[in-house]
PDB file of N, CA and C in Angstrom:
ATOM      1  N   MET A   1      62.975  -2.978   1.704  1.00  0.00           N
ATOM      2  CA  MET A   1      61.640  -3.511   1.657  1.00  0.00           C
ATOM      3  C   MET A   1      61.621  -4.764   0.796  1.00  0.00           C
ATOM      4  N   ARG A   2      60.594  -5.517   0.944  1.00  0.00           N
ATOM      5  CA  ARG A   2      60.486  -6.775   0.212  1.00  0.00           C
ATOM      6  C   ARG A   2      59.931  -6.522  -1.190  1.00  0.00           C
ATOM      7  N   VAL A   3      60.534  -7.182  -2.166  1.00  0.00           N
ATOM      8  CA  VAL A   3      60.094  -7.100  -3.555  1.00  0.00           C
ATOM      9  C   VAL A   3      59.821  -8.521  -4.032  1.00  0.00           C
ATOM     10  N   LEU A   4      58.616  -8.760  -4.533  1.00  0.00           N
ATOM     11  CA  LEU A   4      58.246 -10.068  -5.064  1.00  0.00           C
ATOM     12  C   LEU A   4      58.505 -10.062  -6.565  1.00  0.00           C
ATOM     13  N   VAL A   5      59.350 -10.981  -6.992  1.00  0.00           N
ATOM     14  CA  VAL A   5      59.815 -11.025  -8.377  1.00  0.00           C
ATOM     15  C   VAL A   5      59.107 -12.167  -9.113  1.00  0.00           C
ATOM     16  N   PRO A   6      58.521 -11.893 -10.287  1.00  0.00           N
ATOM     17  CA  PRO A   6      57.818 -12.941 -11.034  1.00  0.00           C
ATOM     18  C   PRO A   6      58.798 -13.891 -11.728  1.00  0.00           C
ATOM     19  N   PRO A   7      58.346 -15.096 -12.039  1.00  0.00           N
ATOM     20  CA  PRO A   7      59.214 -16.087 -12.683  1.00  0.00           C
ATOM     21  C   PRO A   7      59.959 -15.609 -13.931  1.00  0.00           C
ATOM     22  N   PRO A   8      59.359 -14.781 -14.821  1.00  0.00           N
ATOM     23  CA  PRO A   8      60.128 -14.347 -15.994  1.00  0.00           C
ATOM     24  C   PRO A   8      61.386 -13.535 -15.662  1.00  0.00           C
ATOM     25  N   LEU A   9      61.489 -13.018 -14.433  1.00  0.00           N
ATOM     26  CA  LEU A   9      62.657 -12.223 -14.047  1.00  0.00           C
ATOM     27  C   LEU A   9      63.581 -12.967 -13.088  1.00  0.00           C
ATOM     28  N   HIS A  10      63.280 -14.205 -12.798  1.00  0.00           N
ATOM     29  CA  HIS A  10      64.105 -14.981 -11.859  1.00  0.00           C
ATOM     30  C   HIS A  10      65.534 -15.184 -12.352  1.00  0.00           C
ATOM     31  N   SER A  11      65.759 -15.125 -13.641  1.00  0.00           N
ATOM     32  CA  SER A  11      67.130 -15.294 -14.144  1.00  0.00           C
ATOM     33  C   SER A  11      68.042 -14.177 -13.643  1.00  0.00           C
ATOM     34  N   TYR A  12      67.468 -13.020 -13.325  1.00  0.00           N
ATOM     35  CA  TYR A  12      68.263 -11.903 -12.801  1.00  0.00           C
ATOM     36  C   TYR A  12      68.551 -12.045 -11.312  1.00  0.00           C
ATOM     37  N   THR A  13      67.650 -12.721 -10.596  1.00  0.00           N
ATOM     38  CA  THR A  13      67.790 -12.840  -9.142  1.00  0.00           C
ATOM     39  C   THR A  13      68.333 -14.203  -8.718  1.00  0.00           C
ATOM     40  N   GLY A  14      68.809 -14.977  -9.676  1.00  0.00           N
ATOM     41  CA  GLY A  14      69.331 -16.295  -9.341  1.00  0.00           C
ATOM     42  C   GLY A  14      68.250 -17.254  -8.886  1.00  0.00           C
ATOM     43  N   GLY A  15      67.026 -17.051  -9.372  1.00  0.00           N
ATOM     44  CA  GLY A  15      65.919 -17.928  -9.031  1.00  0.00           C
ATOM     45  C   GLY A  15      65.185 -17.547  -7.759  1.00  0.00           C
ATOM     46  N   VAL A  16      65.612 -16.482  -7.124  1.00  0.00           N
ATOM     47  CA  VAL A  16      64.992 -16.056  -5.869  1.00  0.00           C
ATOM     48  C   VAL A  16      63.689 -15.313  -6.163  1.00  0.00           C
ATOM     49  N   THR A  17      62.641 -15.653  -5.425  1.00  0.00           N
ATOM     50  CA  THR A  17      61.314 -15.064  -5.615  1.00  0.00           C
ATOM     51  C   THR A  17      61.133 -13.771  -4.849  1.00  0.00           C
ATOM     52  N   ARG A  18      61.708 -13.693  -3.654  1.00  0.00           N
ATOM     53  CA  ARG A  18      61.590 -12.494  -2.815  1.00  0.00           C
ATOM     54  C   ARG A  18      62.976 -11.924  -2.573  1.00  0.00           C
ATOM     55  N   VAL A  19      63.130 -10.638  -2.875  1.00  0.00           N
ATOM     56  CA  VAL A  19      64.413  -9.973  -2.673  1.00  0.00           C
ATOM     57  C   VAL A  19      64.183  -8.700  -1.865  1.00  0.00           C
ATOM     58  N   GLU A  20      65.263  -8.103  -1.415  1.00  0.00           N
ATOM     59  CA  GLU A  20      65.206  -6.839  -0.681  1.00  0.00           C
ATOM     60  C   GLU A  20      65.787  -5.728  -1.552  1.00  0.00           C
ATOM     61  N   ALA A  21      65.208  -4.540  -1.437  1.00  0.00           N
ATOM     62  CA  ALA A  21      65.720  -3.357  -2.129  1.00  0.00           C
ATOM     63  C   ALA A  21      65.275  -2.138  -1.332  1.00  0.00           C
ATOM     64  N   GLU A  22      65.884  -0.996  -1.637  1.00  0.00           N
ATOM     65  CA  GLU A  22      65.587   0.237  -0.916  1.00  0.00           C
ATOM     66  C   GLU A  22      65.281   1.357  -1.893  1.00  0.00           C
ATOM     67  N   GLY A  23      64.518   2.334  -1.417  1.00  0.00           N
ATOM     68  CA  GLY A  23      64.221   3.515  -2.213  1.00  0.00           C
ATOM     69  C   GLY A  23      63.097   4.303  -1.598  1.00  0.00           C
ATOM     70  N   ALA A  24      63.162   5.616  -1.717  1.00  0.00           N
ATOM     71  CA  ALA A  24      62.106   6.481  -1.182  1.00  0.00           C
ATOM     72  C   ALA A  24      60.901   6.526  -2.111  1.00  0.00           C
ATOM     73  N   THR A  25      61.129   6.180  -3.399  1.00  0.00           N
ATOM     74  CA  THR A  25      60.048   6.122  -4.384  1.00  0.00           C
ATOM     75  C   THR A  25      60.187   4.820  -5.163  1.00  0.00           C
ATOM     76  N   LEU A  26      59.167   4.508  -5.924  1.00  0.00           N
ATOM     77  CA  LEU A  26      59.213   3.310  -6.760  1.00  0.00           C
ATOM     78  C   LEU A  26      60.359   3.402  -7.766  1.00  0.00           C
ATOM     79  N   ALA A  27      60.588   4.583  -8.334  1.00  0.00           N
ATOM     80  CA  ALA A  27      61.676   4.776  -9.287  1.00  0.00           C
ATOM     81  C   ALA A  27      63.028   4.488  -8.630  1.00  0.00           C
ATOM     82  N   GLU A  28      63.237   4.996  -7.423  1.00  0.00           N
ATOM     83  CA  GLU A  28      64.495   4.751  -6.702  1.00  0.00           C
ATOM     84  C   GLU A  28      64.652   3.277  -6.341  1.00  0.00           C
ATOM     85  N   LEU A  29      63.550   2.644  -5.999  1.00  0.00           N
ATOM     86  CA  LEU A  29      63.588   1.218  -5.676  1.00  0.00           C
ATOM     87  C   LEU A  29      64.084   0.410  -6.877  1.00  0.00           C
ATOM     88  N   LEU A  30      63.595   0.735  -8.071  1.00  0.00           N
ATOM     89  CA  LEU A  30      64.009  -0.007  -9.264  1.00  0.00           C
ATOM     90  C   LEU A  30      65.472   0.245  -9.603  1.00  0.00           C
ATOM     91  N   VAL A  31      65.979   1.430  -9.325  1.00  0.00           N
ATOM     92  CA  VAL A  31      67.405   1.717  -9.532  1.00  0.00           C
ATOM     93  C   VAL A  31      68.236   0.861  -8.570  1.00  0.00           C
ATOM     94  N   ASP A  32      67.809   0.793  -7.304  1.00  0.00           N
ATOM     95  CA  ASP A  32      68.516  -0.028  -6.324  1.00  0.00           C
ATOM     96  C   ASP A  32      68.427  -1.507  -6.688  1.00  0.00           C
ATOM     97  N   LEU A  33      67.267  -1.933  -7.138  1.00  0.00           N
ATOM     98  CA  LEU A  33      67.091  -3.326  -7.550  1.00  0.00           C
ATOM     99  C   LEU A  33      68.045  -3.657  -8.695  1.00  0.00           C
ATOM    100  N   ASP A  34      68.209  -2.720  -9.627  1.00  0.00           N
ATOM    101  CA  ASP A  34      69.108  -2.939 -10.759  1.00  0.00           C
ATOM    102  C   ASP A  34      70.572  -2.959 -10.310  1.00  0.00           C
ATOM    103  N   ALA A  35      70.910  -2.197  -9.277  1.00  0.00           N
ATOM    104  CA  ALA A  35      72.281  -2.226  -8.752  1.00  0.00           C
ATOM    105  C   ALA A  35      72.580  -3.591  -8.128  1.00  0.00           C
ATOM    106  N   ARG A  36      71.568  -4.178  -7.518  1.00  0.00           N
ATOM    107  CA  ARG A  36      71.734  -5.491  -6.881  1.00  0.00           C
ATOM    108  C   ARG A  36      71.635  -6.633  -7.887  1.00  0.00           C
ATOM    109  N   TYR A  37      70.792  -6.450  -8.908  1.00  0.00           N
ATOM    110  CA  TYR A  37      70.540  -7.476  -9.920  1.00  0.00           C
ATOM    111  C   TYR A  37      70.628  -6.827 -11.302  1.00  0.00           C
ATOM    112  N   PRO A  38      71.846  -6.623 -11.807  1.00  0.00           N
ATOM    113  CA  PRO A  38      72.051  -5.883 -13.058  1.00  0.00           C
ATOM    114  C   PRO A  38      71.198  -6.393 -14.220  1.00  0.00           C
ATOM    115  N   GLY A  39      70.566  -5.436 -14.888  1.00  0.00           N
ATOM    116  CA  GLY A  39      69.763  -5.733 -16.069  1.00  0.00           C
ATOM    117  C   GLY A  39      68.281  -5.873 -15.797  1.00  0.00           C
ATOM    118  N   ILE A  40      67.892  -6.051 -14.550  1.00  0.00           N
ATOM    119  CA  ILE A  40      66.476  -6.307 -14.252  1.00  0.00           C
ATOM    120  C   ILE A  40      65.601  -5.090 -14.548  1.00  0.00           C
ATOM    121  N   ARG A  41      66.114  -3.884 -14.293  1.00  0.00           N
ATOM    122  CA  ARG A  41      65.317  -2.681 -14.514  1.00  0.00           C
ATOM    123  C   ARG A  41      64.944  -2.517 -15.985  1.00  0.00           C
ATOM    124  N   PHE A  42      65.863  -2.819 -16.883  1.00  0.00           N
ATOM    125  CA  PHE A  42      65.601  -2.665 -18.314  1.00  0.00           C
ATOM    126  C   PHE A  42      64.470  -3.577 -18.779  1.00  0.00           C
ATOM    127  N   ARG A  43      64.249  -4.679 -18.101  1.00  0.00           N
ATOM    128  CA  ARG A  43      63.146  -5.582 -18.453  1.00  0.00           C
ATOM    129  C   ARG A  43      61.793  -5.007 -18.044  1.00  0.00           C
ATOM    130  N   MET A  44      61.810  -3.985 -17.156  1.00  0.00           N
ATOM    131  CA  MET A  44      60.568  -3.387 -16.667  1.00  0.00           C
ATOM    132  C   MET A  44      60.351  -1.962 -17.158  1.00  0.00           C
ATOM    133  N   ILE A  45      61.449  -1.237 -17.408  1.00  0.00           N
ATOM    134  CA  ILE A  45      61.391   0.184 -17.772  1.00  0.00           C
ATOM    135  C   ILE A  45      62.031   0.376 -19.141  1.00  0.00           C
ATOM    136  N   ASP A  46      61.354   1.122 -20.022  1.00  0.00           N
ATOM    137  CA  ASP A  46      61.891   1.303 -21.374  1.00  0.00           C
ATOM    138  C   ASP A  46      62.881   2.476 -21.441  1.00  0.00           C
ATOM    139  N   GLU A  47      63.332   2.788 -22.643  1.00  0.00           N
ATOM    140  CA  GLU A  47      64.344   3.823 -22.857  1.00  0.00           C
ATOM    141  C   GLU A  47      63.829   5.224 -22.550  1.00  0.00           C
ATOM    142  N   GLN A  48      62.526   5.403 -22.476  1.00  0.00           N
ATOM    143  CA  GLN A  48      61.932   6.696 -22.142  1.00  0.00           C
ATOM    144  C   GLN A  48      61.546   6.766 -20.658  1.00  0.00           C
ATOM    145  N   ASP A  49      62.056   5.835 -19.871  1.00  0.00           N
ATOM    146  CA  ASP A  49      61.773   5.758 -18.425  1.00  0.00           C
ATOM    147  C   ASP A  49      60.299   5.532 -18.119  1.00  0.00           C
ATOM    148  N   ARG A  50      59.627   4.786 -18.974  1.00  0.00           N
ATOM    149  CA  ARG A  50      58.231   4.415 -18.748  1.00  0.00           C
ATOM    150  C   ARG A  50      58.154   2.923 -18.453  1.00  0.00           C
ATOM    151  N   VAL A  51      57.182   2.562 -17.644  1.00  0.00           N
ATOM    152  CA  VAL A  51      56.963   1.144 -17.354  1.00  0.00           C
ATOM    153  C   VAL A  51      56.530   0.461 -18.646  1.00  0.00           C
ATOM    154  N   ARG A  52      57.162  -0.658 -18.945  1.00  0.00           N
ATOM    155  CA  ARG A  52      56.814  -1.391 -20.173  1.00  0.00           C
ATOM    156  C   ARG A  52      55.360  -1.856 -20.116  1.00  0.00           C
ATOM    157  N   PRO A  53      54.700  -1.953 -21.273  1.00  0.00           N
ATOM    158  CA  PRO A  53      53.257  -2.276 -21.303  1.00  0.00           C
ATOM    159  C   PRO A  53      52.877  -3.599 -20.628  1.00  0.00           C
ATOM    160  N   HIS A  54      53.769  -4.559 -20.602  1.00  0.00           N
ATOM    161  CA  HIS A  54      53.430  -5.866 -20.035  1.00  0.00           C
ATOM    162  C   HIS A  54      53.762  -5.982 -18.544  1.00  0.00           C
ATOM    163  N   ILE A  55      54.188  -4.875 -17.929  1.00  0.00           N
ATOM    164  CA  ILE A  55      54.579  -4.876 -16.516  1.00  0.00           C
ATOM    165  C   ILE A  55      53.584  -4.062 -15.693  1.00  0.00           C
ATOM    166  N   ARG A  56      53.243  -4.587 -14.528  1.00  0.00           N
ATOM    167  CA  ARG A  56      52.441  -3.844 -13.547  1.00  0.00           C
ATOM    168  C   ARG A  56      53.195  -3.890 -12.223  1.00  0.00           C
ATOM    169  N   LEU A  57      53.204  -2.779 -11.516  1.00  0.00           N
ATOM    170  CA  LEU A  57      53.879  -2.674 -10.225  1.00  0.00           C
ATOM    171  C   LEU A  57      52.838  -2.385  -9.146  1.00  0.00           C
ATOM    172  N   PHE A  58      52.818  -3.211  -8.129  1.00  0.00           N
ATOM    173  CA  PHE A  58      51.871  -3.080  -7.033  1.00  0.00           C
ATOM    174  C   PHE A  58      52.630  -2.765  -5.751  1.00  0.00           C
ATOM    175  N   VAL A  59      52.082  -1.858  -4.963  1.00  0.00           N
ATOM    176  CA  VAL A  59      52.630  -1.544  -3.648  1.00  0.00           C
ATOM    177  C   VAL A  59      51.559  -1.909  -2.630  1.00  0.00           C
ATOM    178  N   ASN A  60      51.903  -2.851  -1.761  1.00  0.00           N
ATOM    179  CA  ASN A  60      50.941  -3.335  -0.760  1.00  0.00           C
ATOM    180  C   ASN A  60      49.630  -3.781  -1.418  1.00  0.00           C
ATOM    181  N   ALA A  61      49.760  -4.513  -2.519  1.00  0.00           N
ATOM    182  CA  ALA A  61      48.634  -5.108  -3.253  1.00  0.00           C
ATOM    183  C   ALA A  61      47.752  -4.087  -3.976  1.00  0.00           C
ATOM    184  N   VAL A  62      48.242  -2.847  -4.142  1.00  0.00           N
ATOM    185  CA  VAL A  62      47.497  -1.813  -4.866  1.00  0.00           C
ATOM    186  C   VAL A  62      48.335  -1.381  -6.065  1.00  0.00           C
ATOM    187  N   LEU A  63      47.708  -1.370  -7.250  1.00  0.00           N
ATOM    188  CA  LEU A  63      48.407  -0.959  -8.464  1.00  0.00           C
ATOM    189  C   LEU A  63      48.965   0.444  -8.290  1.00  0.00           C
ATOM    190  N   SER A  64      50.247   0.601  -8.567  1.00  0.00           N
ATOM    191  CA  SER A  64      50.897   1.896  -8.408  1.00  0.00           C
ATOM    192  C   SER A  64      50.542   2.807  -9.579  1.00  0.00           C
ATOM    193  N   PRO A  65      50.113   4.036  -9.294  1.00  0.00           N
ATOM    194  CA  PRO A  65      49.755   4.957 -10.364  1.00  0.00           C
ATOM    195  C   PRO A  65      50.950   5.659 -11.003  1.00  0.00           C
ATOM    196  N   ALA A  66      52.095   5.722 -10.285  1.00  0.00           N
ATOM    197  CA  ALA A  66      53.227   6.492 -10.799  1.00  0.00           C
ATOM    198  C   ALA A  66      54.542   6.009 -10.198  1.00  0.00           C
ATOM    199  N   MET A  67      55.612   6.219 -10.937  1.00  0.00           N
ATOM    200  CA  MET A  67      56.943   5.849 -10.459  1.00  0.00           C
ATOM    201  C   MET A  67      57.389   6.747  -9.303  1.00  0.00           C
ATOM    202  N   GLU A  68      56.749   7.898  -9.135  1.00  0.00           N
ATOM    203  CA  GLU A  68      57.090   8.819  -8.060  1.00  0.00           C
ATOM    204  C   GLU A  68      56.396   8.453  -6.746  1.00  0.00           C
ATOM    205  N   GLN A  69      55.657   7.358  -6.745  1.00  0.00           N
ATOM    206  CA  GLN A  69      54.933   6.960  -5.535  1.00  0.00           C
ATOM    207  C   GLN A  69      55.907   6.788  -4.371  1.00  0.00           C
ATOM    208  N   PRO A  70      55.631   7.440  -3.247  1.00  0.00           N
ATOM    209  CA  PRO A  70      56.501   7.285  -2.078  1.00  0.00           C
ATOM    210  C   PRO A  70      56.405   5.869  -1.509  1.00  0.00           C
ATOM    211  N   LEU A  71      57.513   5.397  -0.984  1.00  0.00           N
ATOM    212  CA  LEU A  71      57.571   4.068  -0.374  1.00  0.00           C
ATOM    213  C   LEU A  71      58.071   4.182   1.061  1.00  0.00           C
ATOM    214  N   HIS A  72      57.723   3.173   1.846  1.00  0.00           N
ATOM    215  CA  HIS A  72      58.176   3.061   3.230  1.00  0.00           C
ATOM    216  C   HIS A  72      58.867   1.710   3.401  1.00  0.00           C
ATOM    217  N   ALA A  73      59.750   1.626   4.358  1.00  0.00           N
ATOM    218  CA  ALA A  73      60.518   0.396   4.577  1.00  0.00           C
ATOM    219  C   ALA A  73      59.638  -0.822   4.803  1.00  0.00           C
ATOM    220  N   SER A  74      58.440  -0.622   5.324  1.00  0.00           N
ATOM    221  CA  SER A  74      57.538  -1.742   5.607  1.00  0.00           C
ATOM    222  C   SER A  74      56.688  -2.156   4.401  1.00  0.00           C
ATOM    223  N   ASP A  75      56.783  -1.425   3.291  1.00  0.00           N
ATOM    224  CA  ASP A  75      55.982  -1.741   2.103  1.00  0.00           C
ATOM    225  C   ASP A  75      56.456  -3.022   1.427  1.00  0.00           C
ATOM    226  N   GLU A  76      55.533  -3.619   0.681  1.00  0.00           N
ATOM    227  CA  GLU A  76      55.868  -4.773  -0.158  1.00  0.00           C
ATOM    228  C   GLU A  76      55.538  -4.401  -1.594  1.00  0.00           C
ATOM    229  N   VAL A  77      56.503  -4.565  -2.481  1.00  0.00           N
ATOM    230  CA  VAL A  77      56.322  -4.252  -3.895  1.00  0.00           C
ATOM    231  C   VAL A  77      56.264  -5.570  -4.659  1.00  0.00           C
ATOM    232  N   GLN A  78      55.246  -5.681  -5.502  1.00  0.00           N
ATOM    233  CA  GLN A  78      55.096  -6.883  -6.314  1.00  0.00           C
ATOM    234  C   GLN A  78      55.168  -6.500  -7.788  1.00  0.00           C
ATOM    235  N   ILE A  79      55.994  -7.220  -8.516  1.00  0.00           N
ATOM    236  CA  ILE A  79      56.144  -7.012  -9.961  1.00  0.00           C
ATOM    237  C   ILE A  79      55.316  -8.083 -10.654  1.00  0.00           C
ATOM    238  N   ILE A  80      54.442  -7.679 -11.548  1.00  0.00           N
ATOM    239  CA  ILE A  80      53.601  -8.617 -12.292  1.00  0.00           C
ATOM    240  C   ILE A  80      53.928  -8.474 -13.777  1.00  0.00           C
ATOM    241  N   CYS A  81      54.158  -9.592 -14.433  1.00  0.00           N
ATOM    242  CA  CYS A  81      54.395  -9.626 -15.878  1.00  0.00           C
ATOM    243  C   CYS A  81      53.175 -10.254 -16.549  1.00  0.00           C
ATOM    244  N   ALA A  82      52.651  -9.577 -17.547  1.00  0.00           N
ATOM    245  CA  ALA A  82      51.536 -10.137 -18.297  1.00  0.00           C
ATOM    246  C   ALA A  82      52.036 -11.309 -19.132  1.00  0.00           C
ATOM    247  N   LEU A  83      51.186 -12.289 -19.317  1.00  0.00           N
ATOM    248  CA  LEU A  83      51.499 -13.428 -20.157  1.00  0.00           C
ATOM    249  C   LEU A  83      51.024 -13.135 -21.567  1.00  0.00           C
ATOM    250  N   SER A  84      51.777 -13.599 -22.532  1.00  0.00           N
ATOM    251  CA  SER A  84      51.367 -13.428 -23.916  1.00  0.00           C
ATOM    252  C   SER A  84      51.836 -14.631 -24.721  1.00  0.00           C
ATOM    253  N   GLY A  85      51.386 -14.687 -25.889  1.00  0.00           N
ATOM    254  CA  GLY A  85      51.792 -15.802 -26.749  1.00  0.00           C
ATOM    255  C   GLY A  85      50.630 -16.264 -27.600  1.00  0.00           C
ATOM    256  N   GLY A  86      50.856 -17.335 -28.284  1.00  0.00           N
ATOM    257  CA  GLY A  86      49.781 -17.772 -29.173  1.00  0.00           C
ATOM    258  C   GLY A  86      49.686 -19.247 -29.248  1.00  0.00           C
TER     259      GLY A  86
END
């Protein structure tokens, strides 16, 4: 399925904005994404397997409520990073 990657994570994808990954759930998708682009999952998921506070994951333009959310090959997953700074 298609995964839209935000600019702060482009260093992991070689600057590519849209990538492909597979998984029956959002959690599996992120594991596959990390296998294809090592290190990217750690930027989104913390050591307790929780989504980091500045990350939001959308499936078909709807905020995902859980990492166990089922996915289909036709779905589009969008990763959003909150902006911060001063």
